[in-house]
Protein backbone atom coordinates (compact mmCIF):
# COMPACT_ATOMS: atom_id res chain seq x y z
CA MET A 1 -69.97 127.23 -92.41
CA MET A 2 -73.20 126.11 -90.75
CA HIS A 3 -74.18 124.21 -93.91
CA TRP A 4 -71.10 121.97 -93.67
CA LEU A 5 -71.74 121.31 -90.00
CA TRP A 6 -75.33 120.37 -90.84
CA VAL A 7 -74.10 118.08 -93.66
CA LEU A 8 -71.73 116.29 -91.24
CA ILE A 9 -74.49 115.85 -88.65
CA VAL A 10 -76.98 114.49 -91.18
CA GLY A 11 -74.27 112.25 -92.66
CA GLY A 12 -73.54 110.86 -89.20
CA VAL A 13 -77.22 110.17 -88.57
CA ILE A 14 -77.58 108.43 -91.95
CA GLY A 15 -74.48 106.33 -91.20
CA ALA A 16 -75.82 105.44 -87.74
CA ILE A 17 -79.15 104.36 -89.26
CA ALA A 18 -77.30 102.23 -91.82
CA GLY A 19 -75.23 100.66 -89.04
CA ALA A 20 -78.37 99.88 -87.05
CA ILE A 21 -80.09 98.33 -90.07
CA THR A 22 -77.09 96.13 -90.87
CA SER A 23 -76.46 95.39 -87.14
CA LYS A 24 -72.94 96.83 -87.46
CA GLY A 25 -73.71 99.98 -85.52
CA LYS A 26 -71.86 98.98 -82.37
CA SER A 27 -68.61 98.26 -84.19
CA MET A 28 -68.63 101.52 -86.17
CA GLY A 29 -67.27 104.71 -84.66
CA TRP A 30 -68.73 108.15 -85.18
CA ILE A 31 -66.12 109.03 -87.82
CA PHE A 32 -67.06 105.96 -89.88
CA ASN A 33 -70.74 106.83 -89.39
CA ILE A 34 -70.13 110.24 -90.95
CA ILE A 35 -68.04 108.77 -93.80
CA ALA A 36 -70.59 106.01 -94.44
CA GLY A 37 -73.41 108.56 -94.43
CA LEU A 38 -71.72 110.94 -96.84
CA VAL A 39 -70.35 108.31 -99.22
CA GLY A 40 -73.55 106.26 -98.96
CA SER A 41 -75.57 109.36 -99.75
CA SER A 42 -73.53 109.90 -102.88
CA ILE A 43 -73.85 106.25 -103.92
CA GLY A 44 -77.57 106.11 -103.19
CA GLN A 45 -78.41 109.31 -105.01
CA SER A 46 -76.34 108.37 -108.05
CA LEU A 47 -78.00 104.93 -108.24
CA LEU A 48 -81.55 105.84 -107.21
CA GLY A 49 -81.91 109.57 -107.83
CA SER A 50 -82.99 112.31 -105.44
CA TRP A 51 -86.54 111.36 -104.54
CA GLY A 52 -88.17 111.76 -101.15
CA PRO A 53 -87.56 114.31 -98.44
CA GLN A 54 -84.22 116.13 -98.47
CA VAL A 55 -82.17 117.41 -95.56
CA ALA A 56 -78.91 119.33 -96.05
CA GLY A 57 -79.04 118.57 -99.77
CA MET A 58 -79.27 114.81 -99.24
CA ALA A 59 -82.35 112.81 -100.21
CA LEU A 60 -83.01 110.69 -97.13
CA PHE A 61 -84.29 107.39 -98.53
CA PRO A 62 -81.72 106.93 -101.33
CA SER A 63 -78.99 108.07 -98.92
CA ILE A 64 -79.94 105.50 -96.29
CA ILE A 65 -80.16 102.74 -98.93
CA GLY A 66 -76.75 103.72 -100.31
CA ALA A 67 -75.22 103.79 -96.83
CA VAL A 68 -76.68 100.35 -96.05
CA ILE A 69 -75.13 99.00 -99.26
CA LEU A 70 -71.78 100.60 -98.39
CA VAL A 71 -71.75 99.28 -94.81
CA ALA A 72 -72.74 95.78 -95.97
CA VAL A 73 -70.00 95.68 -98.62
CA VAL A 74 -67.33 97.07 -96.30
CA SER A 75 -68.29 94.70 -93.47
CA PHE A 76 -68.20 91.77 -95.92
CA PHE A 77 -64.63 92.56 -96.95
CA VAL A 78 -63.38 93.53 -93.51
CA GLY A 79 -65.03 90.47 -91.96
CA LYS A 80 -65.93 91.89 -88.56
CA ASN A 81 -68.98 90.45 -86.79
């Protein structure tokens, strides 16, 4: 049970970092931060592999890069500033 809580927290932090990098952090809520972090982690690790430090089973650098890609694509299609 604690592992899943840790995964959600790390996913939220990764999503918040991606929102800050893409300057969309203020328009994203905490639920979208968690979703962006988890889905971005999956995208980043499948595209770039699992290199670098890992927290809660997620490689940090590929996860952040994947989340940035996800947030940029979603914000492009949604069209929010």
